[in-house]
C-alpha atoms as a PDB file:
ATOM      1  CA  UNK A   1      54.643   9.860 -27.048  1.00  0.00           C
ATOM      2  CA  UNK A   2      53.567  13.375 -27.892  1.00  0.00           C
ATOM      3  CA  UNK A   3      56.369  14.234 -30.317  1.00  0.00           C
ATOM      4  CA  UNK A   4      56.076  17.567 -32.050  1.00  0.00           C
ATOM      5  CA  UNK A   5      59.637  17.705 -33.389  1.00  0.00           C
ATOM      6  CA  UNK A   6      60.113  18.163 -37.103  1.00  0.00           C
ATOM      7  CA  UNK A   7      62.145  15.515 -38.935  1.00  0.00           C
ATOM      8  CA  UNK A   8      65.432  17.435 -39.004  1.00  0.00           C
ATOM      9  CA  UNK A   9      68.304  15.738 -37.133  1.00  0.00           C
ATOM     10  CA  UNK A  10      71.447  17.807 -36.620  1.00  0.00           C
ATOM     11  CA  UNK A  11      74.963  16.376 -36.884  1.00  0.00           C
ATOM     12  CA  UNK A  12      77.362  19.295 -36.341  1.00  0.00           C
ATOM     13  CA  UNK A  13      76.437  20.167 -32.769  1.00  0.00           C
ATOM     14  CA  UNK A  14      79.567  19.156 -30.828  1.00  0.00           C
ATOM     15  CA  UNK A  15      81.937  21.504 -32.661  1.00  0.00           C
ATOM     16  CA  UNK A  16      79.513  24.398 -32.211  1.00  0.00           C
ATOM     17  CA  UNK A  17      79.229  23.766 -28.468  1.00  0.00           C
ATOM     18  CA  UNK A  18      82.965  23.423 -27.728  1.00  0.00           C
ATOM     19  CA  UNK A  19      84.265  26.167 -30.023  1.00  0.00           C
ATOM     20  CA  UNK A  20      86.294  28.864 -28.288  1.00  0.00           C
ATOM     21  CA  UNK A  21      83.920  31.494 -29.645  1.00  0.00           C
ATOM     22  CA  UNK A  22      80.953  29.771 -28.013  1.00  0.00           C
ATOM     23  CA  UNK A  23      82.821  29.213 -24.720  1.00  0.00           C
ATOM     24  CA  UNK A  24      83.806  32.887 -24.484  1.00  0.00           C
ATOM     25  CA  UNK A  25      80.212  33.933 -25.305  1.00  0.00           C
ATOM     26  CA  UNK A  26      78.959  31.499 -22.658  1.00  0.00           C
ATOM     27  CA  UNK A  27      81.345  33.065 -20.124  1.00  0.00           C
ATOM     28  CA  UNK A  28      80.032  36.572 -20.864  1.00  0.00           C
ATOM     29  CA  UNK A  29      76.458  35.413 -20.366  1.00  0.00           C
ATOM     30  CA  UNK A  30      77.280  33.365 -17.285  1.00  0.00           C
ATOM     31  CA  UNK A  31      79.138  36.140 -15.435  1.00  0.00           C
ATOM     32  CA  UNK A  32      76.255  38.643 -15.504  1.00  0.00           C
ATOM     33  CA  UNK A  33      75.309  39.494 -11.939  1.00  0.00           C
ATOM     34  CA  UNK A  34      77.977  37.164 -10.537  1.00  0.00           C
ATOM     35  CA  UNK A  35      81.184  39.198 -10.835  1.00  0.00           C
ATOM     36  CA  UNK A  36      81.518  39.713  -7.071  1.00  0.00           C
ATOM     37  CA  UNK A  37      81.317  36.038  -6.165  1.00  0.00           C
ATOM     38  CA  UNK A  38      84.668  34.605  -5.019  1.00  0.00           C
ATOM     39  CA  UNK A  39      84.586  31.483  -7.238  1.00  0.00           C
ATOM     40  CA  UNK A  40      83.755  33.600 -10.306  1.00  0.00           C
ATOM     41  CA  UNK A  41      86.514  36.092  -9.500  1.00  0.00           C
ATOM     42  CA  UNK A  42      88.993  33.255  -9.079  1.00  0.00           C
ATOM     43  CA  UNK A  43      88.059  31.790 -12.473  1.00  0.00           C
ATOM     44  CA  UNK A  44      88.238  35.215 -14.137  1.00  0.00           C
ATOM     45  CA  UNK A  45      91.717  35.892 -12.715  1.00  0.00           C
ATOM     46  CA  UNK A  46      93.108  33.316 -15.185  1.00  0.00           C
ATOM     47  CA  UNK A  47      90.207  33.498 -17.607  1.00  0.00           C
ATOM     48  CA  UNK A  48      91.938  32.707 -20.894  1.00  0.00           C
ATOM     49  CA  UNK A  49      93.994  29.866 -19.396  1.00  0.00           C
ATOM     50  CA  UNK A  50      90.858  28.376 -17.825  1.00  0.00           C
ATOM     51  CA  UNK A  51      88.754  28.596 -20.982  1.00  0.00           C
ATOM     52  CA  UNK A  52      91.546  27.264 -23.206  1.00  0.00           C
ATOM     53  CA  UNK A  53      92.003  24.362 -20.793  1.00  0.00           C
ATOM     54  CA  UNK A  54      88.261  23.620 -20.825  1.00  0.00           C
ATOM     55  CA  UNK A  55      88.260  23.819 -24.635  1.00  0.00           C
ATOM     56  CA  UNK A  56      91.251  21.453 -24.825  1.00  0.00           C
ATOM     57  CA  UNK A  57      89.650  18.882 -22.523  1.00  0.00           C
ATOM     58  CA  UNK A  58      86.418  18.994 -24.496  1.00  0.00           C
ATOM     59  CA  UNK A  59      88.173  18.603 -27.845  1.00  0.00           C
ATOM     60  CA  UNK A  60      90.382  15.744 -26.586  1.00  0.00           C
ATOM     61  CA  UNK A  61      87.383  14.005 -24.927  1.00  0.00           C
ATOM     62  CA  UNK A  62      89.090  14.095 -21.502  1.00  0.00           C
ATOM     63  CA  UNK A  63      86.583  16.477 -19.865  1.00  0.00           C
ATOM     64  CA  UNK A  64      84.893  15.162 -16.720  1.00  0.00           C
ATOM     65  CA  UNK A  65      82.019  16.926 -14.956  1.00  0.00           C
ATOM     66  CA  UNK A  66      82.649  17.798 -11.304  1.00  0.00           C
ATOM     67  CA  UNK A  67      80.381  17.399  -8.285  1.00  0.00           C
ATOM     68  CA  UNK A  68      77.625  19.732  -7.075  1.00  0.00           C
ATOM     69  CA  UNK A  69      77.436  21.851  -3.928  1.00  0.00           C
ATOM     70  CA  UNK A  70      73.966  21.787  -2.327  1.00  0.00           C
ATOM     71  CA  UNK A  71      72.413  24.754  -0.530  1.00  0.00           C
ATOM     72  CA  UNK A  72      68.903  25.947   0.359  1.00  0.00           C
ATOM     73  CA  UNK A  73      66.870  28.947  -0.758  1.00  0.00           C
ATOM     74  CA  UNK A  74      63.387  30.099   0.233  1.00  0.00           C
ATOM     75  CA  UNK A  75      61.473  30.804  -2.968  1.00  0.00           C
ATOM     76  CA  UNK A  76      58.910  31.077  -1.233  1.00  0.00           C
ATOM     77  CA  UNK A  77      59.066  27.470  -0.026  1.00  0.00           C
ATOM     78  CA  UNK A  78      62.367  25.890   0.954  1.00  0.00           C
ATOM     79  CA  UNK A  79      64.174  24.467  -2.086  1.00  0.00           C
ATOM     80  CA  UNK A  80      67.411  22.513  -2.302  1.00  0.00           C
ATOM     81  CA  UNK A  81      69.613  23.966  -5.056  1.00  0.00           C
ATOM     82  CA  UNK A  82      72.656  22.181  -6.464  1.00  0.00           C
ATOM     83  CA  UNK A  83      75.479  24.356  -7.785  1.00  0.00           C
ATOM     84  CA  UNK A  84      78.163  23.041 -10.130  1.00  0.00           C
ATOM     85  CA  UNK A  85      81.679  24.508 -10.383  1.00  0.00           C
ATOM     86  CA  UNK A  86      82.204  27.665 -12.446  1.00  0.00           C
ATOM     87  CA  UNK A  87      83.817  25.795 -15.347  1.00  0.00           C
ATOM     88  CA  UNK A  88      80.979  23.255 -15.434  1.00  0.00           C
ATOM     89  CA  UNK A  89      78.390  26.023 -15.360  1.00  0.00           C
ATOM     90  CA  UNK A  90      80.137  27.772 -18.265  1.00  0.00           C
ATOM     91  CA  UNK A  91      79.895  24.521 -20.208  1.00  0.00           C
ATOM     92  CA  UNK A  92      76.201  24.295 -19.268  1.00  0.00           C
ATOM     93  CA  UNK A  93      75.751  27.792 -20.686  1.00  0.00           C
ATOM     94  CA  UNK A  94      77.646  26.831 -23.858  1.00  0.00           C
ATOM     95  CA  UNK A  95      75.408  23.779 -24.331  1.00  0.00           C
ATOM     96  CA  UNK A  96      72.296  25.845 -23.622  1.00  0.00           C
ATOM     97  CA  UNK A  97      73.329  28.473 -26.213  1.00  0.00           C
ATOM     98  CA  UNK A  98      73.360  25.859 -28.980  1.00  0.00           C
ATOM     99  CA  UNK A  99      70.549  23.512 -27.914  1.00  0.00           C
ATOM    100  CA  UNK A 100      68.044  26.254 -27.059  1.00  0.00           C
ATOM    101  CA  UNK A 101      67.691  27.354 -30.686  1.00  0.00           C
ATOM    102  CA  UNK A 102      67.486  23.756 -31.905  1.00  0.00           C
ATOM    103  CA  UNK A 103      64.659  22.757 -29.573  1.00  0.00           C
ATOM    104  CA  UNK A 104      62.764  25.984 -28.871  1.00  0.00           C
ATOM    105  CA  UNK A 105      61.247  26.118 -32.359  1.00  0.00           C
ATOM    106  CA  UNK A 106      59.591  22.760 -31.610  1.00  0.00           C
ATOM    107  CA  UNK A 107      57.859  23.961 -28.427  1.00  0.00           C
ATOM    108  CA  UNK A 108      54.260  25.128 -28.352  1.00  0.00           C
ATOM    109  CA  UNK A 109      53.571  28.853 -28.140  1.00  0.00           C
ATOM    110  CA  UNK A 110      51.953  28.597 -24.711  1.00  0.00           C
ATOM    111  CA  UNK A 111      54.937  27.183 -22.823  1.00  0.00           C
ATOM    112  CA  UNK A 112      56.320  30.153 -20.858  1.00  0.00           C
ATOM    113  CA  UNK A 113      59.121  29.000 -18.544  1.00  0.00           C
ATOM    114  CA  UNK A 114      62.756  29.921 -19.323  1.00  0.00           C
ATOM    115  CA  UNK A 115      62.122  31.041 -22.913  1.00  0.00           C
ATOM    116  CA  UNK A 116      63.006  34.274 -24.675  1.00  0.00           C
ATOM    117  CA  UNK A 117      60.179  36.849 -24.669  1.00  0.00           C
ATOM    118  CA  UNK A 118      58.077  34.684 -22.328  1.00  0.00           C
ATOM    119  CA  UNK A 119      58.011  34.559 -18.498  1.00  0.00           C
ATOM    120  CA  UNK A 120      55.474  34.710 -15.688  1.00  0.00           C
ATOM    121  CA  UNK A 121      53.789  38.009 -16.586  1.00  0.00           C
ATOM    122  CA  UNK A 122      53.318  36.989 -20.230  1.00  0.00           C
ATOM    123  CA  UNK A 123      51.825  33.689 -19.049  1.00  0.00           C
ATOM    124  CA  UNK A 124      49.318  35.379 -16.710  1.00  0.00           C
ATOM    125  CA  UNK A 125      48.361  37.912 -19.408  1.00  0.00           C
ATOM    126  CA  UNK A 126      47.809  35.058 -21.868  1.00  0.00           C
ATOM    127  CA  UNK A 127      45.613  33.289 -19.302  1.00  0.00           C
ATOM    128  CA  UNK A 128      43.498  36.438 -18.988  1.00  0.00           C
ATOM    129  CA  UNK A 129      43.181  36.594 -22.789  1.00  0.00           C
ATOM    130  CA  UNK A 130      42.052  32.968 -22.878  1.00  0.00           C
ATOM    131  CA  UNK A 131      39.503  33.634 -20.115  1.00  0.00           C
ATOM    132  CA  UNK A 132      37.975  36.592 -21.972  1.00  0.00           C
ATOM    133  CA  UNK A 133      37.809  34.663 -25.224  1.00  0.00           C
ATOM    134  CA  UNK A 134      36.274  31.464 -23.848  1.00  0.00           C
ATOM    135  CA  UNK A 135      33.844  33.292 -21.537  1.00  0.00           C
ATOM    136  CA  UNK A 136      32.849  35.675 -24.366  1.00  0.00           C
ATOM    137  CA  UNK A 137      33.936  38.707 -22.358  1.00  0.00           C
ATOM    138  CA  UNK A 138      32.719  37.239 -19.071  1.00  0.00           C
ATOM    139  CA  UNK A 139      29.205  36.600 -20.359  1.00  0.00           C
ATOM    140  CA  UNK A 140      29.234  32.850 -19.605  1.00  0.00           C
ATOM    141  CA  UNK A 141      30.638  30.541 -16.946  1.00  0.00           C
ATOM    142  CA  UNK A 142      33.944  28.827 -17.589  1.00  0.00           C
ATOM    143  CA  UNK A 143      36.147  26.578 -15.466  1.00  0.00           C
ATOM    144  CA  UNK A 144      39.873  26.201 -14.907  1.00  0.00           C
ATOM    145  CA  UNK A 145      41.728  22.958 -14.239  1.00  0.00           C
ATOM    146  CA  UNK A 146      45.051  23.725 -12.543  1.00  0.00           C
ATOM    147  CA  UNK A 147      47.623  20.974 -11.971  1.00  0.00           C
ATOM    148  CA  UNK A 148      51.128  20.574 -10.636  1.00  0.00           C
ATOM    149  CA  UNK A 149      53.521  17.702 -11.394  1.00  0.00           C
ATOM    150  CA  UNK A 150      54.695  15.929  -8.250  1.00  0.00           C
ATOM    151  CA  UNK A 151      58.429  16.385  -7.470  1.00  0.00           C
ATOM    152  CA  UNK A 152      59.104  17.085 -11.137  1.00  0.00           C
ATOM    153  CA  UNK A 153      62.865  17.790 -11.156  1.00  0.00           C
ATOM    154  CA  UNK A 154      63.565  14.817  -8.870  1.00  0.00           C
ATOM    155  CA  UNK A 155      61.385  12.523 -10.987  1.00  0.00           C
ATOM    156  CA  UNK A 156      62.736  13.179 -14.503  1.00  0.00           C
ATOM    157  CA  UNK A 157      63.925   9.881 -15.972  1.00  0.00           C
ATOM    158  CA  UNK A 158      67.389  10.562 -17.385  1.00  0.00           C
ATOM    159  CA  UNK A 159      67.194   7.778 -19.990  1.00  0.00           C
ATOM    160  CA  UNK A 160      63.859   9.029 -21.321  1.00  0.00           C
ATOM    161  CA  UNK A 161      65.317  12.541 -21.473  1.00  0.00           C
ATOM    162  CA  UNK A 162      68.345  11.333 -23.449  1.00  0.00           C
ATOM    163  CA  UNK A 163      66.004   9.558 -25.857  1.00  0.00           C
ATOM    164  CA  UNK A 164      64.035  12.755 -26.425  1.00  0.00           C
ATOM    165  CA  UNK A 165      67.219  14.758 -27.041  1.00  0.00           C
ATOM    166  CA  UNK A 166      68.518  12.147 -29.486  1.00  0.00           C
ATOM    167  CA  UNK A 167      65.516  12.756 -31.739  1.00  0.00           C
ATOM    168  CA  UNK A 168      67.044  16.063 -32.732  1.00  0.00           C
ATOM    169  CA  UNK A 169      70.755  15.528 -32.106  1.00  0.00           C
ATOM    170  CA  UNK A 170      72.393  13.008 -34.442  1.00  0.00           C
ATOM    171  CA  UNK A 171      75.925  13.953 -33.404  1.00  0.00           C
ATOM    172  CA  UNK A 172      77.403  11.114 -31.296  1.00  0.00           C
ATOM    173  CA  UNK A 173      80.065  13.320 -29.673  1.00  0.00           C
ATOM    174  CA  UNK A 174      77.452  15.922 -28.713  1.00  0.00           C
ATOM    175  CA  UNK A 175      75.235  13.220 -27.245  1.00  0.00           C
ATOM    176  CA  UNK A 176      78.127  11.840 -25.175  1.00  0.00           C
ATOM    177  CA  UNK A 177      78.812  15.321 -23.803  1.00  0.00           C
ATOM    178  CA  UNK A 178      75.126  15.970 -23.029  1.00  0.00           C
ATOM    179  CA  UNK A 179      74.940  12.581 -21.306  1.00  0.00           C
ATOM    180  CA  UNK A 180      77.912  13.525 -19.100  1.00  0.00           C
ATOM    181  CA  UNK A 181      75.993  16.614 -17.984  1.00  0.00           C
ATOM    182  CA  UNK A 182      72.721  14.734 -17.446  1.00  0.00           C
ATOM    183  CA  UNK A 183      74.352  11.796 -15.627  1.00  0.00           C
ATOM    184  CA  UNK A 184      76.556  14.104 -13.510  1.00  0.00           C
ATOM    185  CA  UNK A 185      73.557  14.336 -11.188  1.00  0.00           C
ATOM    186  CA  UNK A 186      72.516  11.185  -9.361  1.00  0.00           C
ATOM    187  CA  UNK A 187      68.788  11.336 -10.109  1.00  0.00           C
ATOM    188  CA  UNK A 188      66.491  13.640 -12.044  1.00  0.00           C
ATOM    189  CA  UNK A 189      67.712  17.166 -12.774  1.00  0.00           C
ATOM    190  CA  UNK A 190      69.498  19.606 -10.432  1.00  0.00           C
ATOM    191  CA  UNK A 191      67.500  22.700  -9.539  1.00  0.00           C
ATOM    192  CA  UNK A 192      69.396  25.865 -10.429  1.00  0.00           C
ATOM    193  CA  UNK A 193      71.176  24.690 -13.582  1.00  0.00           C
ATOM    194  CA  UNK A 194      70.551  26.484 -16.890  1.00  0.00           C
ATOM    195  CA  UNK A 195      70.615  23.142 -18.727  1.00  0.00           C
ATOM    196  CA  UNK A 196      67.981  21.772 -16.332  1.00  0.00           C
ATOM    197  CA  UNK A 197      65.623  24.542 -17.404  1.00  0.00           C
ATOM    198  CA  UNK A 198      65.998  23.585 -21.061  1.00  0.00           C
ATOM    199  CA  UNK A 199      65.887  19.841 -20.378  1.00  0.00           C
ATOM    200  CA  UNK A 200      62.669  20.384 -18.387  1.00  0.00           C
ATOM    201  CA  UNK A 201      61.050  22.029 -21.421  1.00  0.00           C
ATOM    202  CA  UNK A 202      62.248  19.231 -23.728  1.00  0.00           C
ATOM    203  CA  UNK A 203      60.805  16.649 -21.324  1.00  0.00           C
ATOM    204  CA  UNK A 204      57.466  18.395 -20.778  1.00  0.00           C
ATOM    205  CA  UNK A 205      57.093  19.267 -24.450  1.00  0.00           C
ATOM    206  CA  UNK A 206      55.776  15.689 -24.648  1.00  0.00           C
ATOM    207  CA  UNK A 207      52.940  16.688 -22.333  1.00  0.00           C
ATOM    208  CA  UNK A 208      52.343  19.918 -24.259  1.00  0.00           C
ATOM    209  CA  UNK A 209      52.066  18.109 -27.582  1.00  0.00           C
ATOM    210  CA  UNK A 210      49.752  15.484 -26.066  1.00  0.00           C
ATOM    211  CA  UNK A 211      47.377  18.061 -24.582  1.00  0.00           C
ATOM    212  CA  UNK A 212      47.353  20.324 -27.649  1.00  0.00           C
ATOM    213  CA  UNK A 213      47.337  17.777 -30.484  1.00  0.00           C
ATOM    214  CA  UNK A 214      45.948  14.523 -29.032  1.00  0.00           C
ATOM    215  CA  UNK A 215      43.443  15.951 -26.560  1.00  0.00           C
ATOM    216  CA  UNK A 216      42.992  19.074 -28.731  1.00  0.00           C
ATOM    217  CA  UNK A 217      42.677  21.453 -25.793  1.00  0.00           C
ATOM    218  CA  UNK A 218      42.870  25.029 -27.113  1.00  0.00           C
ATOM    219  CA  UNK A 219      43.130  26.855 -23.819  1.00  0.00           C
ATOM    220  CA  UNK A 220      46.236  25.310 -22.250  1.00  0.00           C
ATOM    221  CA  UNK A 221      49.162  27.168 -20.638  1.00  0.00           C
ATOM    222  CA  UNK A 222      52.215  25.678 -18.952  1.00  0.00           C
ATOM    223  CA  UNK A 223      54.922  27.296 -16.846  1.00  0.00           C
ATOM    224  CA  UNK A 224      57.530  24.714 -15.791  1.00  0.00           C
ATOM    225  CA  UNK A 225      55.607  21.975 -13.922  1.00  0.00           C
ATOM    226  CA  UNK A 226      52.408  24.031 -13.394  1.00  0.00           C
ATOM    227  CA  UNK A 227      49.699  24.137 -16.040  1.00  0.00           C
ATOM    228  CA  UNK A 228      46.149  25.390 -16.525  1.00  0.00           C
ATOM    229  CA  UNK A 229      43.448  24.194 -18.936  1.00  0.00           C
ATOM    230  CA  UNK A 230      40.279  26.239 -19.429  1.00  0.00           C
ATOM    231  CA  UNK A 231      36.938  24.846 -20.549  1.00  0.00           C
ATOM    232  CA  UNK A 232      33.194  25.357 -20.326  1.00  0.00           C
ATOM    233  CA  UNK A 233      32.397  21.763 -19.294  1.00  0.00           C
ATOM    234  CA  UNK A 234      33.155  20.828 -15.694  1.00  0.00           C
ATOM    235  CA  UNK A 235      32.916  17.050 -16.205  1.00  0.00           C
ATOM    236  CA  UNK A 236      35.174  17.157 -19.261  1.00  0.00           C
ATOM    237  CA  UNK A 237      37.904  18.982 -17.338  1.00  0.00           C
ATOM    238  CA  UNK A 238      37.520  16.596 -14.399  1.00  0.00           C
ATOM    239  CA  UNK A 239      38.151  13.659 -16.731  1.00  0.00           C
ATOM    240  CA  UNK A 240      41.189  15.367 -18.266  1.00  0.00           C
ATOM    241  CA  UNK A 241      43.151  15.223 -15.025  1.00  0.00           C
ATOM    242  CA  UNK A 242      42.919  11.419 -15.013  1.00  0.00           C
ATOM    243  CA  UNK A 243      43.781  11.163 -18.733  1.00  0.00           C
ATOM    244  CA  UNK A 244      46.799  13.429 -18.326  1.00  0.00           C
ATOM    245  CA  UNK A 245      47.964  11.595 -15.227  1.00  0.00           C
ATOM    246  CA  UNK A 246      47.838   8.292 -17.127  1.00  0.00           C
ATOM    247  CA  UNK A 247      49.898   9.812 -19.956  1.00  0.00           C
ATOM    248  CA  UNK A 248      52.497  11.162 -17.520  1.00  0.00           C
ATOM    249  CA  UNK A 249      52.716   7.782 -15.719  1.00  0.00           C
ATOM    250  CA  UNK A 250      53.010   5.709 -18.882  1.00  0.00           C
ATOM    251  CA  UNK A 251      55.270   7.887 -21.029  1.00  0.00           C
ATOM    252  CA  UNK A 252      57.330  10.103 -18.718  1.00  0.00           C
ATOM    253  CA  UNK A 253      57.279   8.268 -15.358  1.00  0.00           C
ATOM    254  CA  UNK A 254      55.716  11.331 -13.752  1.00  0.00           C
ATOM    255  CA  UNK A 255      52.475  11.941 -11.885  1.00  0.00           C
ATOM    256  CA  UNK A 256      50.229  14.845 -10.960  1.00  0.00           C
ATOM    257  CA  UNK A 257      50.394  16.005  -7.362  1.00  0.00           C
ATOM    258  CA  UNK A 258      47.075  14.632  -6.035  1.00  0.00           C
ATOM    259  CA  UNK A 259      46.639  17.520  -3.578  1.00  0.00           C
ATOM    260  CA  UNK A 260      47.278  20.165  -6.228  1.00  0.00           C
ATOM    261  CA  UNK A 261      44.623  19.246  -8.765  1.00  0.00           C
ATOM    262  CA  UNK A 262      42.232  22.203  -8.543  1.00  0.00           C
ATOM    263  CA  UNK A 263      39.073  22.637 -10.619  1.00  0.00           C
ATOM    264  CA  UNK A 264      37.062  25.786 -10.034  1.00  0.00           C
ATOM    265  CA  UNK A 265      34.973  28.481 -11.690  1.00  0.00           C
ATOM    266  CA  UNK A 266      36.763  31.442 -13.231  1.00  0.00           C
ATOM    267  CA  UNK A 267      34.749  33.852 -11.111  1.00  0.00           C
ATOM    268  CA  UNK A 268      36.189  32.183  -7.978  1.00  0.00           C
ATOM    269  CA  UNK A 269      39.674  33.174  -9.183  1.00  0.00           C
ATOM    270  CA  UNK A 270      42.427  31.187 -10.915  1.00  0.00           C
ATOM    271  CA  UNK A 271      45.560  31.024  -8.755  1.00  0.00           C
ATOM    272  CA  UNK A 272      48.532  31.026 -11.165  1.00  0.00           C
ATOM    273  CA  UNK A 273      52.165  32.136 -10.800  1.00  0.00           C
ATOM    274  CA  UNK A 274      51.659  34.362  -7.783  1.00  0.00           C
ATOM    275  CA  UNK A 275      48.494  36.087  -9.032  1.00  0.00           C
ATOM    276  CA  UNK A 276      44.779  35.302  -8.858  1.00  0.00           C
ATOM    277  CA  UNK A 277      43.023  35.936 -12.174  1.00  0.00           C
ATOM    278  CA  UNK A 278      39.411  37.118 -11.798  1.00  0.00           C
ATOM    279  CA  UNK A 279      36.904  38.074 -14.523  1.00  0.00           C
ATOM    280  CA  UNK A 280      37.713  41.812 -14.538  1.00  0.00           C
ATOM    281  CA  UNK A 281      41.074  42.116 -12.826  1.00  0.00           C
ATOM    282  CA  UNK A 282      43.908  40.234 -11.186  1.00  0.00           C
ATOM    283  CA  UNK A 283      45.151  40.436  -7.612  1.00  0.00           C
ATOM    284  CA  UNK A 284      48.207  39.152  -5.779  1.00  0.00           C
ATOM    285  CA  UNK A 285      47.899  35.701  -4.261  1.00  0.00           C
ATOM    286  CA  UNK A 286      47.457  36.054  -0.464  1.00  0.00           C
ATOM    287  CA  UNK A 287      50.716  34.213   0.281  1.00  0.00           C
ATOM    288  CA  UNK A 288      52.600  36.413  -2.199  1.00  0.00           C
ATOM    289  CA  UNK A 289      51.096  39.529  -0.589  1.00  0.00           C
ATOM    290  CA  UNK A 290      52.124  38.437   2.903  1.00  0.00           C
ATOM    291  CA  UNK A 291      55.653  37.630   1.742  1.00  0.00           C
ATOM    292  CA  UNK A 292      55.959  40.981  -0.003  1.00  0.00           C
ATOM    293  CA  UNK A 293      54.793  42.922   3.057  1.00  0.00           C
ATOM    294  CA  UNK A 294      57.136  40.924   5.292  1.00  0.00           C
ATOM    295  CA  UNK A 295      60.217  41.574   3.155  1.00  0.00           C
ATOM    296  CA  UNK A 296      59.730  45.016   1.670  1.00  0.00           C
ATOM    297  CA  UNK A 297      61.807  47.985   2.794  1.00  0.00           C
ATOM    298  CA  UNK A 298      62.935  51.309   1.347  1.00  0.00           C
ATOM    299  CA  UNK A 299      65.925  49.753  -0.465  1.00  0.00           C
ATOM    300  CA  UNK A 300      64.070  46.971  -2.277  1.00  0.00           C
ATOM    301  CA  UNK A 301      60.782  48.795  -2.793  1.00  0.00           C
ATOM    302  CA  UNK A 302      61.364  49.381  -6.519  1.00  0.00           C
ATOM    303  CA  UNK A 303      61.786  45.692  -7.295  1.00  0.00           C
ATOM    304  CA  UNK A 304      58.647  44.726  -5.376  1.00  0.00           C
ATOM    305  CA  UNK A 305      56.657  47.568  -6.927  1.00  0.00           C
ATOM    306  CA  UNK A 306      57.306  45.864 -10.257  1.00  0.00           C
ATOM    307  CA  UNK A 307      55.147  42.966  -9.069  1.00  0.00           C
ATOM    308  CA  UNK A 308      52.298  45.280  -8.128  1.00  0.00           C
ATOM    309  CA  UNK A 309      52.129  47.091 -11.456  1.00  0.00           C
ATOM    310  CA  UNK A 310      50.815  43.888 -13.032  1.00  0.00           C
ATOM    311  CA  UNK A 311      47.766  43.643 -10.772  1.00  0.00           C
ATOM    312  CA  UNK A 312      45.192  45.596  -8.801  1.00  0.00           C
ATOM    313  CA  UNK A 313      47.515  46.661  -5.988  1.00  0.00           C
ATOM    314  CA  UNK A 314      46.469  50.145  -4.852  1.00  0.00           C
ATOM    315  CA  UNK A 315      45.529  49.034  -1.314  1.00  0.00           C
ATOM    316  CA  UNK A 316      48.792  47.125  -0.904  1.00  0.00           C
ATOM    317  CA  UNK A 317      50.713  50.221  -2.066  1.00  0.00           C
ATOM    318  CA  UNK A 318      48.998  52.177   0.706  1.00  0.00           C
ATOM    319  CA  UNK A 319      50.010  49.556   3.284  1.00  0.00           C
ATOM    320  CA  UNK A 320      53.597  49.689   1.981  1.00  0.00           C
ATOM    321  CA  UNK A 321      53.616  53.506   2.270  1.00  0.00           C
ATOM    322  CA  UNK A 322      52.514  53.285   5.886  1.00  0.00           C
ATOM    323  CA  UNK A 323      55.027  50.522   6.670  1.00  0.00           C
ATOM    324  CA  UNK A 324      58.072  52.234   5.106  1.00  0.00           C
ATOM    325  CA  UNK A 325      57.331  55.820   5.992  1.00  0.00           C
ATOM    326  CA  UNK A 326      55.556  55.417   9.315  1.00  0.00           C
ATOM    327  CA  UNK A 327      56.362  58.311  11.703  1.00  0.00           C
END
């Protein structure tokens, strides 16, 4: 497999995760933006009793993870989200707080999903930097291979994931607790869980290490299960998709979405994370633009304007002005 972890194995993880200090910190992080939700208010009403009880169950090894509540969101396509109980989500946050700093240092620089000081805008800006560098300031043709992993969260193999985590975590009690969280979901990883975001990066770090250090591709960027590789040789990039698909099949039991393997010239535009990157500017993806214009109103204008400031959006701003303030 790709690897990329240093040799350090940590043995004092369980106590750090289940400490009262960490559980209270996890609660403070978890509650942000959720204070008005009935289940959160109910938990907070007896906050100390609830957290002390959770701490006691964790310490005595009697904690059991509850079930998930499914619901749908449109983001922009319909997605099935699975929500755990408040106490389980606080534990997820407590686990994330400890594991994030253990694993994040092992990730490549150009992995941008669910990491501090990263995100979609940083990823698109980095892609533009790569394009300028490889094309020598747009003086030569370059190509972009863009791929998407098929049904990634549903397809994560839980046993492979546990094996990857065990490379860094030598604490048996911590591993038993992490396994309870992983196995609390019937298959793959539940969308919407903070631990799923971290586990996804641990899992796909294998791909990152393979592409960067085995294939030695310099211009590679990944955001969750989407990634882009730039190059100046069309045939080489075409062959990469097959090589990467073989690696995913053989080592991670994943596969590339066959209908989402796109190889095109930079000057045709690279569609990535809601934007289309062109040689001298970026624009909003057409679907993103339509969704924005459909949803925008006077109340939410500020949040949507934040999207436009990262691209060439003057004409869209004019359309928005006419839509909101039409006589």
